[in-house]
mmCIF file of all heavy atoms, coordinates in Angstrom:
data_MODEL
# 
_entry.id   MODEL 
# 
loop_
_atom_site.group_PDB 
_atom_site.id 
_atom_site.type_symbol 
_atom_site.label_atom_id 
_atom_site.label_alt_id 
_atom_site.label_comp_id 
_atom_site.label_asym_id 
_atom_site.label_entity_id 
_atom_site.label_seq_id 
_atom_site.pdbx_PDB_ins_code 
_atom_site.Cartn_x 
_atom_site.Cartn_y 
_atom_site.Cartn_z 
_atom_site.occupancy 
_atom_site.B_iso_or_equiv 
_atom_site.pdbx_formal_charge 
_atom_site.auth_seq_id 
_atom_site.auth_comp_id 
_atom_site.auth_asym_id 
_atom_site.auth_atom_id 
_atom_site.pdbx_PDB_model_num 
ATOM 1   N N   . ALA A 1 1  ? 8.280   2.113  -15.960 1.00 0.00 ? 1  ALA A N   1 
ATOM 2   C CA  . ALA A 1 1  ? 6.875   2.408  -15.645 1.00 0.00 ? 1  ALA A CA  1 
ATOM 3   C C   . ALA A 1 1  ? 6.253   1.305  -14.808 1.00 0.00 ? 1  ALA A C   1 
ATOM 4   O O   . ALA A 1 1  ? 5.532   1.565  -13.828 1.00 0.00 ? 1  ALA A O   1 
ATOM 5   C CB  . ALA A 1 1  ? 6.096   2.616  -16.943 1.00 0.00 ? 1  ALA A CB  1 
ATOM 6   N N   . GLN A 1 2  ? 6.521   0.050  -15.178 1.00 0.00 ? 2  GLN A N   1 
ATOM 7   C CA  . GLN A 1 2  ? 5.985   -1.059 -14.398 1.00 0.00 ? 2  GLN A CA  1 
ATOM 8   C C   . GLN A 1 2  ? 6.537   -1.068 -12.977 1.00 0.00 ? 2  GLN A C   1 
ATOM 9   O O   . GLN A 1 2  ? 5.816   -1.343 -12.018 1.00 0.00 ? 2  GLN A O   1 
ATOM 10  C CB  . GLN A 1 2  ? 6.315   -2.378 -15.095 1.00 0.00 ? 2  GLN A CB  1 
ATOM 11  C CG  . GLN A 1 2  ? 5.544   -2.600 -16.393 1.00 0.00 ? 2  GLN A CG  1 
ATOM 12  C CD  . GLN A 1 2  ? 5.888   -3.921 -17.038 1.00 0.00 ? 2  GLN A CD  1 
ATOM 13  O OE1 . GLN A 1 2  ? 6.713   -4.678 -16.517 1.00 0.00 ? 2  GLN A OE1 1 
ATOM 14  N NE2 . GLN A 1 2  ? 5.274   -4.202 -18.182 1.00 0.00 ? 2  GLN A NE2 1 
ATOM 15  N N   . THR A 1 3  ? 7.823   -0.743 -12.844 1.00 0.00 ? 3  THR A N   1 
ATOM 16  C CA  . THR A 1 3  ? 8.409   -0.691 -11.499 1.00 0.00 ? 3  THR A CA  1 
ATOM 17  C C   . THR A 1 3  ? 7.756   0.398  -10.648 1.00 0.00 ? 3  THR A C   1 
ATOM 18  O O   . THR A 1 3  ? 7.433   0.184  -9.472  1.00 0.00 ? 3  THR A O   1 
ATOM 19  C CB  . THR A 1 3  ? 9.920   -0.431 -11.611 1.00 0.00 ? 3  THR A CB  1 
ATOM 20  O OG1 . THR A 1 3  ? 10.514  -1.444 -12.427 1.00 0.00 ? 3  THR A OG1 1 
ATOM 21  C CG2 . THR A 1 3  ? 10.562  -0.451 -10.235 1.00 0.00 ? 3  THR A CG2 1 
ATOM 22  N N   . GLN A 1 4  ? 7.537   1.561  -11.249 1.00 0.00 ? 4  GLN A N   1 
ATOM 23  C CA  . GLN A 1 4  ? 6.875   2.637  -10.509 1.00 0.00 ? 4  GLN A CA  1 
ATOM 24  C C   . GLN A 1 4  ? 5.459   2.246  -10.116 1.00 0.00 ? 4  GLN A C   1 
ATOM 25  O O   . GLN A 1 4  ? 5.011   2.526  -8.990  1.00 0.00 ? 4  GLN A O   1 
ATOM 26  C CB  . GLN A 1 4  ? 6.864   3.907  -11.368 1.00 0.00 ? 4  GLN A CB  1 
ATOM 27  C CG  . GLN A 1 4  ? 8.240   4.537  -11.571 1.00 0.00 ? 4  GLN A CG  1 
ATOM 28  C CD  . GLN A 1 4  ? 8.172   5.784  -12.430 1.00 0.00 ? 4  GLN A CD  1 
ATOM 29  O OE1 . GLN A 1 4  ? 7.107   6.154  -12.903 1.00 0.00 ? 4  GLN A OE1 1 
ATOM 30  N NE2 . GLN A 1 4  ? 9.320   6.414  -12.638 1.00 0.00 ? 4  GLN A NE2 1 
ATOM 31  N N   . ILE A 1 5  ? 4.738   1.598  -11.030 1.00 0.00 ? 5  ILE A N   1 
ATOM 32  C CA  . ILE A 1 5  ? 3.368   1.171  -10.713 1.00 0.00 ? 5  ILE A CA  1 
ATOM 33  C C   . ILE A 1 5  ? 3.366   0.152  -9.588  1.00 0.00 ? 5  ILE A C   1 
ATOM 34  O O   . ILE A 1 5  ? 2.548   0.230  -8.649  1.00 0.00 ? 5  ILE A O   1 
ATOM 35  C CB  . ILE A 1 5  ? 2.694   0.599  -11.978 1.00 0.00 ? 5  ILE A CB  1 
ATOM 36  C CG1 . ILE A 1 5  ? 2.472   1.708  -13.008 1.00 0.00 ? 5  ILE A CG1 1 
ATOM 37  C CG2 . ILE A 1 5  ? 1.370   -0.064 -11.628 1.00 0.00 ? 5  ILE A CG2 1 
ATOM 38  C CD1 . ILE A 1 5  ? 1.989   1.209  -14.344 1.00 0.00 ? 5  ILE A CD1 1 
ATOM 39  N N   . GLN A 1 6  ? 4.295   -0.794 -9.644  1.00 0.00 ? 6  GLN A N   1 
ATOM 40  C CA  . GLN A 1 6  ? 4.358   -1.808 -8.592  1.00 0.00 ? 6  GLN A CA  1 
ATOM 41  C C   . GLN A 1 6  ? 4.716   -1.178 -7.245  1.00 0.00 ? 6  GLN A C   1 
ATOM 42  O O   . GLN A 1 6  ? 4.147   -1.528 -6.206  1.00 0.00 ? 6  GLN A O   1 
ATOM 43  C CB  . GLN A 1 6  ? 5.386   -2.885 -8.969  1.00 0.00 ? 6  GLN A CB  1 
ATOM 44  C CG  . GLN A 1 6  ? 4.991   -3.722 -10.173 1.00 0.00 ? 6  GLN A CG  1 
ATOM 45  C CD  . GLN A 1 6  ? 3.751   -4.544 -9.907  1.00 0.00 ? 6  GLN A CD  1 
ATOM 46  O OE1 . GLN A 1 6  ? 3.458   -4.881 -8.762  1.00 0.00 ? 6  GLN A OE1 1 
ATOM 47  N NE2 . GLN A 1 6  ? 3.018   -4.868 -10.969 1.00 0.00 ? 6  GLN A NE2 1 
ATOM 48  N N   . VAL A 1 7  ? 5.685   -0.253 -7.258  1.00 0.00 ? 7  VAL A N   1 
ATOM 49  C CA  . VAL A 1 7  ? 6.077   0.406  -6.000  1.00 0.00 ? 7  VAL A CA  1 
ATOM 50  C C   . VAL A 1 7  ? 4.909   1.204  -5.438  1.00 0.00 ? 7  VAL A C   1 
ATOM 51  O O   . VAL A 1 7  ? 4.617   1.159  -4.221  1.00 0.00 ? 7  VAL A O   1 
ATOM 52  C CB  . VAL A 1 7  ? 7.302   1.311  -6.246  1.00 0.00 ? 7  VAL A CB  1 
ATOM 53  C CG1 . VAL A 1 7  ? 7.572   2.182  -5.024  1.00 0.00 ? 7  VAL A CG1 1 
ATOM 54  C CG2 . VAL A 1 7  ? 8.527   0.459  -6.572  1.00 0.00 ? 7  VAL A CG2 1 
ATOM 55  N N   . HIS A 1 8  ? 4.195   1.916  -6.309  1.00 0.00 ? 8  HIS A N   1 
ATOM 56  C CA  . HIS A 1 8  ? 3.046   2.695  -5.851  1.00 0.00 ? 8  HIS A CA  1 
ATOM 57  C C   . HIS A 1 8  ? 1.951   1.777  -5.305  1.00 0.00 ? 8  HIS A C   1 
ATOM 58  O O   . HIS A 1 8  ? 1.330   2.073  -4.266  1.00 0.00 ? 8  HIS A O   1 
ATOM 59  C CB  . HIS A 1 8  ? 2.512   3.545  -7.000  1.00 0.00 ? 8  HIS A CB  1 
ATOM 60  C CG  . HIS A 1 8  ? 1.304   4.366  -6.634  1.00 0.00 ? 8  HIS A CG  1 
ATOM 61  N ND1 . HIS A 1 8  ? 1.387   5.457  -5.785  1.00 0.00 ? 8  HIS A ND1 1 
ATOM 62  C CD2 . HIS A 1 8  ? -0.004  4.238  -6.997  1.00 0.00 ? 8  HIS A CD2 1 
ATOM 63  C CE1 . HIS A 1 8  ? 0.169   5.972  -5.636  1.00 0.00 ? 8  HIS A CE1 1 
ATOM 64  N NE2 . HIS A 1 8  ? -0.690  5.243  -6.368  1.00 0.00 ? 8  HIS A NE2 1 
ATOM 65  N N   . THR A 1 9  ? 1.731   0.648  -5.991  1.00 0.00 ? 9  THR A N   1 
ATOM 66  C CA  . THR A 1 9  ? 0.703   -0.289 -5.527  1.00 0.00 ? 9  THR A CA  1 
ATOM 67  C C   . THR A 1 9  ? 1.054   -0.893 -4.186  1.00 0.00 ? 9  THR A C   1 
ATOM 68  O O   . THR A 1 9  ? 0.217   -1.000 -3.284  1.00 0.00 ? 9  THR A O   1 
ATOM 69  C CB  . THR A 1 9  ? 0.529   -1.401 -6.578  1.00 0.00 ? 9  THR A CB  1 
ATOM 70  O OG1 . THR A 1 9  ? 0.195   -0.814 -7.835  1.00 0.00 ? 9  THR A OG1 1 
ATOM 71  C CG2 . THR A 1 9  ? -0.580  -2.360 -6.168  1.00 0.00 ? 9  THR A CG2 1 
ATOM 72  N N   . LEU A 1 10 ? 2.333   -1.282 -4.040  1.00 0.00 ? 10 LEU A N   1 
ATOM 73  C CA  . LEU A 1 10 ? 2.758   -1.851 -2.759  1.00 0.00 ? 10 LEU A CA  1 
ATOM 74  C C   . LEU A 1 10 ? 2.673   -0.828 -1.633  1.00 0.00 ? 10 LEU A C   1 
ATOM 75  O O   . LEU A 1 10 ? 2.245   -1.142 -0.516  1.00 0.00 ? 10 LEU A O   1 
ATOM 76  C CB  . LEU A 1 10 ? 4.191   -2.381 -2.886  1.00 0.00 ? 10 LEU A CB  1 
ATOM 77  C CG  . LEU A 1 10 ? 4.375   -3.615 -3.789  1.00 0.00 ? 10 LEU A CG  1 
ATOM 78  C CD1 . LEU A 1 10 ? 5.850   -3.953 -3.916  1.00 0.00 ? 10 LEU A CD1 1 
ATOM 79  C CD2 . LEU A 1 10 ? 3.616   -4.798 -3.218  1.00 0.00 ? 10 LEU A CD2 1 
ATOM 80  N N   . ALA A 1 11 ? 3.080   0.414  -1.938  1.00 0.00 ? 11 ALA A N   1 
ATOM 81  C CA  . ALA A 1 11 ? 2.996   1.453  -0.896  1.00 0.00 ? 11 ALA A CA  1 
ATOM 82  C C   . ALA A 1 11 ? 1.554   1.722  -0.501  1.00 0.00 ? 11 ALA A C   1 
ATOM 83  O O   . ALA A 1 11 ? 1.222   1.865  0.684   1.00 0.00 ? 11 ALA A O   1 
ATOM 84  C CB  . ALA A 1 11 ? 3.665   2.731  -1.406  1.00 0.00 ? 11 ALA A CB  1 
ATOM 85  N N   . THR A 1 12 ? 0.663   1.772  -1.489  1.00 0.00 ? 12 THR A N   1 
ATOM 86  C CA  . THR A 1 12 ? -0.749  1.999  -1.197  1.00 0.00 ? 12 THR A CA  1 
ATOM 87  C C   . THR A 1 12 ? -1.333  0.854  -0.399  1.00 0.00 ? 12 THR A C   1 
ATOM 88  O O   . THR A 1 12 ? -2.085  1.071  0.584   1.00 0.00 ? 12 THR A O   1 
ATOM 89  C CB  . THR A 1 12 ? -1.525  2.183  -2.512  1.00 0.00 ? 12 THR A CB  1 
ATOM 90  O OG1 . THR A 1 12 ? -0.943  3.237  -3.259  1.00 0.00 ? 12 THR A OG1 1 
ATOM 91  C CG2 . THR A 1 12 ? -2.979  2.505  -2.240  1.00 0.00 ? 12 THR A CG2 1 
ATOM 92  N N   . ALA A 1 13 ? -1.021  -0.368 -0.802  1.00 0.00 ? 13 ALA A N   1 
ATOM 93  C CA  . ALA A 1 13 ? -1.542  -1.527 -0.073  1.00 0.00 ? 13 ALA A CA  1 
ATOM 94  C C   . ALA A 1 13 ? -1.012  -1.560 1.353   1.00 0.00 ? 13 ALA A C   1 
ATOM 95  O O   . ALA A 1 13 ? -1.737  -1.886 2.296   1.00 0.00 ? 13 ALA A O   1 
ATOM 96  C CB  . ALA A 1 13 ? -1.172  -2.808 -0.812  1.00 0.00 ? 13 ALA A CB  1 
ATOM 97  N N   . LYS A 1 14 ? 0.264   -1.202 1.530   1.00 0.00 ? 14 LYS A N   1 
ATOM 98  C CA  . LYS A 1 14 ? 0.832   -1.220 2.871   1.00 0.00 ? 14 LYS A CA  1 
ATOM 99  C C   . LYS A 1 14 ? 0.171   -0.157 3.758   1.00 0.00 ? 14 LYS A C   1 
ATOM 100 O O   . LYS A 1 14 ? -0.140  -0.403 4.918   1.00 0.00 ? 14 LYS A O   1 
ATOM 101 C CB  . LYS A 1 14 ? 2.343   -0.990 2.795   1.00 0.00 ? 14 LYS A CB  1 
ATOM 102 C CG  . LYS A 1 14 ? 3.040   -1.108 4.143   1.00 0.00 ? 14 LYS A CG  1 
ATOM 103 C CD  . LYS A 1 14 ? 4.537   -0.917 4.007   1.00 0.00 ? 14 LYS A CD  1 
ATOM 104 C CE  . LYS A 1 14 ? 5.142   -2.088 3.261   1.00 0.00 ? 14 LYS A CE  1 
ATOM 105 N NZ  . LYS A 1 14 ? 6.616   -1.989 3.220   1.00 0.00 ? 14 LYS A NZ  1 
ATOM 106 N N   . SER A 1 15 ? -0.049  1.028  3.200   1.00 0.00 ? 15 SER A N   1 
ATOM 107 C CA  . SER A 1 15 ? -0.691  2.079  3.998   1.00 0.00 ? 15 SER A CA  1 
ATOM 108 C C   . SER A 1 15 ? -2.128  1.708  4.345   1.00 0.00 ? 15 SER A C   1 
ATOM 109 O O   . SER A 1 15 ? -2.589  1.909  5.480   1.00 0.00 ? 15 SER A O   1 
ATOM 110 C CB  . SER A 1 15 ? -0.654  3.403  3.236   1.00 0.00 ? 15 SER A CB  1 
ATOM 111 O OG  . SER A 1 15 ? -1.376  3.279  2.021   1.00 0.00 ? 15 SER A OG  1 
ATOM 112 N N   . ASP A 1 16 ? -2.846  1.107  3.369   1.00 0.00 ? 16 ASP A N   1 
ATOM 113 C CA  . ASP A 1 16 ? -4.222  0.683  3.656   1.00 0.00 ? 16 ASP A CA  1 
ATOM 114 C C   . ASP A 1 16 ? -4.248  -0.410 4.700   1.00 0.00 ? 16 ASP A C   1 
ATOM 115 O O   . ASP A 1 16 ? -5.110  -0.422 5.595   1.00 0.00 ? 16 ASP A O   1 
ATOM 116 C CB  . ASP A 1 16 ? -4.891  0.197  2.372   1.00 0.00 ? 16 ASP A CB  1 
ATOM 117 C CG  . ASP A 1 16 ? -5.103  1.331  1.377   1.00 0.00 ? 16 ASP A CG  1 
ATOM 118 O OD1 . ASP A 1 16 ? -5.057  2.503  1.811   1.00 0.00 ? 16 ASP A OD1 1 
ATOM 119 O OD2 . ASP A 1 16 ? -5.298  1.047  0.176   1.00 0.00 ? 16 ASP A OD2 1 
ATOM 120 N N   . GLU A 1 17 ? -3.303  -1.327 4.610   1.00 0.00 ? 17 GLU A N   1 
ATOM 121 C CA  . GLU A 1 17 ? -3.258  -2.405 5.593   1.00 0.00 ? 17 GLU A CA  1 
ATOM 122 C C   . GLU A 1 17 ? -2.957  -1.868 6.986   1.00 0.00 ? 17 GLU A C   1 
ATOM 123 O O   . GLU A 1 17 ? -3.567  -2.276 7.979   1.00 0.00 ? 17 GLU A O   1 
ATOM 124 C CB  . GLU A 1 17 ? -2.192  -3.427 5.174   1.00 0.00 ? 17 GLU A CB  1 
ATOM 125 C CG  . GLU A 1 17 ? -2.127  -4.631 6.088   1.00 0.00 ? 17 GLU A CG  1 
ATOM 126 C CD  . GLU A 1 17 ? -1.061  -5.607 5.652   1.00 0.00 ? 17 GLU A CD  1 
ATOM 127 O OE1 . GLU A 1 17 ? -0.363  -5.305 4.674   1.00 0.00 ? 17 GLU A OE1 1 
ATOM 128 O OE2 . GLU A 1 17 ? -0.931  -6.663 6.300   1.00 0.00 ? 17 GLU A OE2 1 
ATOM 129 N N   . THR A 1 18 ? -2.030  -0.908 7.054   1.00 0.00 ? 18 THR A N   1 
ATOM 130 C CA  . THR A 1 18 ? -1.701  -0.313 8.363   1.00 0.00 ? 18 THR A CA  1 
ATOM 131 C C   . THR A 1 18 ? -2.909  0.412  8.946   1.00 0.00 ? 18 THR A C   1 
ATOM 132 O O   . THR A 1 18 ? -3.222  0.292  10.138  1.00 0.00 ? 18 THR A O   1 
ATOM 133 C CB  . THR A 1 18 ? -0.530  0.660  8.207   1.00 0.00 ? 18 THR A CB  1 
ATOM 134 O OG1 . THR A 1 18 ? 0.576   -0.025 7.614   1.00 0.00 ? 18 THR A OG1 1 
ATOM 135 C CG2 . THR A 1 18 ? -0.126  1.218  9.551   1.00 0.00 ? 18 THR A CG2 1 
ATOM 136 N N   . THR A 1 19 ? -3.618  1.134  8.108   1.00 0.00 ? 19 THR A N   1 
ATOM 137 C CA  . THR A 1 19 ? -4.802  1.862  8.569   1.00 0.00 ? 19 THR A CA  1 
ATOM 138 C C   . THR A 1 19 ? -5.881  0.908  9.057   1.00 0.00 ? 19 THR A C   1 
ATOM 139 O O   . THR A 1 19 ? -6.483  1.108  10.118  1.00 0.00 ? 19 THR A O   1 
ATOM 140 C CB  . THR A 1 19 ? -5.357  2.740  7.430   1.00 0.00 ? 19 THR A CB  1 
ATOM 141 O OG1 . THR A 1 19 ? -4.324  3.602  6.979   1.00 0.00 ? 19 THR A OG1 1 
ATOM 142 C CG2 . THR A 1 19 ? -6.547  3.537  7.894   1.00 0.00 ? 19 THR A CG2 1 
ATOM 143 N N   . ASN A 1 20 ? -6.106  -0.168 8.296   1.00 0.00 ? 20 ASN A N   1 
ATOM 144 C CA  . ASN A 1 20 ? -7.140  -1.118 8.688   1.00 0.00 ? 20 ASN A CA  1 
ATOM 145 C C   . ASN A 1 20 ? -6.772  -1.870 9.963   1.00 0.00 ? 20 ASN A C   1 
ATOM 146 O O   . ASN A 1 20 ? -7.637  -2.146 10.810  1.00 0.00 ? 20 ASN A O   1 
ATOM 147 C CB  . ASN A 1 20 ? -7.376  -2.102 7.558   1.00 0.00 ? 20 ASN A CB  1 
ATOM 148 C CG  . ASN A 1 20 ? -8.027  -1.436 6.361   1.00 0.00 ? 20 ASN A CG  1 
ATOM 149 O OD1 . ASN A 1 20 ? -8.828  -0.521 6.525   1.00 0.00 ? 20 ASN A OD1 1 
ATOM 150 N ND2 . ASN A 1 20 ? -7.677  -1.880 5.156   1.00 0.00 ? 20 ASN A ND2 1 
ATOM 151 N N   . VAL A 1 21 ? -5.486  -2.222 10.108  1.00 0.00 ? 21 VAL A N   1 
ATOM 152 C CA  . VAL A 1 21 ? -5.059  -2.914 11.327  1.00 0.00 ? 21 VAL A CA  1 
ATOM 153 C C   . VAL A 1 21 ? -5.226  -2.014 12.540  1.00 0.00 ? 21 VAL A C   1 
ATOM 154 O O   . VAL A 1 21 ? -5.683  -2.440 13.617  1.00 0.00 ? 21 VAL A O   1 
ATOM 155 C CB  . VAL A 1 21 ? -3.600  -3.385 11.178  1.00 0.00 ? 21 VAL A CB  1 
ATOM 156 C CG1 . VAL A 1 21 ? -3.058  -3.874 12.506  1.00 0.00 ? 21 VAL A CG1 1 
ATOM 157 C CG2 . VAL A 1 21 ? -3.515  -4.499 10.148  1.00 0.00 ? 21 VAL A CG2 1 
ATOM 158 N N   . THR A 1 22 ? -4.864  -0.734 12.382  1.00 0.00 ? 22 THR A N   1 
ATOM 159 C CA  . THR A 1 22 ? -5.028  0.208  13.514  1.00 0.00 ? 22 THR A CA  1 
ATOM 160 C C   . THR A 1 22 ? -6.493  0.366  13.882  1.00 0.00 ? 22 THR A C   1 
ATOM 161 O O   . THR A 1 22 ? -6.864  0.357  15.083  1.00 0.00 ? 22 THR A O   1 
ATOM 162 C CB  . THR A 1 22 ? -4.439  1.572  13.113  1.00 0.00 ? 22 THR A CB  1 
ATOM 163 O OG1 . THR A 1 22 ? -3.083  1.385  12.738  1.00 0.00 ? 22 THR A OG1 1 
ATOM 164 C CG2 . THR A 1 22 ? -4.520  2.533  14.293  1.00 0.00 ? 22 THR A CG2 1 
ATOM 165 N N   . ALA A 1 23 ? -7.337  0.483  12.869  1.00 0.00 ? 23 ALA A N   1 
ATOM 166 C CA  . ALA A 1 23 ? -8.768  0.622  13.147  1.00 0.00 ? 23 ALA A CA  1 
ATOM 167 C C   . ALA A 1 23 ? -9.318  -0.629 13.794  1.00 0.00 ? 23 ALA A C   1 
ATOM 168 O O   . ALA A 1 23 ? -10.147 -0.560 14.716  1.00 0.00 ? 23 ALA A O   1 
ATOM 169 C CB  . ALA A 1 23 ? -9.528  0.931  11.860  1.00 0.00 ? 23 ALA A CB  1 
ATOM 170 N N   . LEU A 1 24 ? -8.851  -1.784 13.357  1.00 0.00 ? 24 LEU A N   1 
ATOM 171 C CA  . LEU A 1 24 ? -9.322  -3.028 13.934  1.00 0.00 ? 24 LEU A CA  1 
ATOM 172 C C   . LEU A 1 24 ? -8.892  -3.166 15.377  1.00 0.00 ? 24 LEU A C   1 
ATOM 173 O O   . LEU A 1 24 ? -9.671  -3.599 16.236  1.00 0.00 ? 24 LEU A O   1 
ATOM 174 C CB  . LEU A 1 24 ? -8.799  -4.202 13.094  1.00 0.00 ? 24 LEU A CB  1 
ATOM 175 C CG  . LEU A 1 24 ? -9.256  -5.590 13.515  1.00 0.00 ? 24 LEU A CG  1 
ATOM 176 C CD1 . LEU A 1 24 ? -10.774 -5.693 13.423  1.00 0.00 ? 24 LEU A CD1 1 
ATOM 177 C CD2 . LEU A 1 24 ? -8.597  -6.665 12.653  1.00 0.00 ? 24 LEU A CD2 1 
# 
């Protein structure tokens, strides 16, 4: 469960970072 949560968190953070960098 912790591994899934960490993977989901990292994927979400990476997608948000990509979106923000593109917008910037």
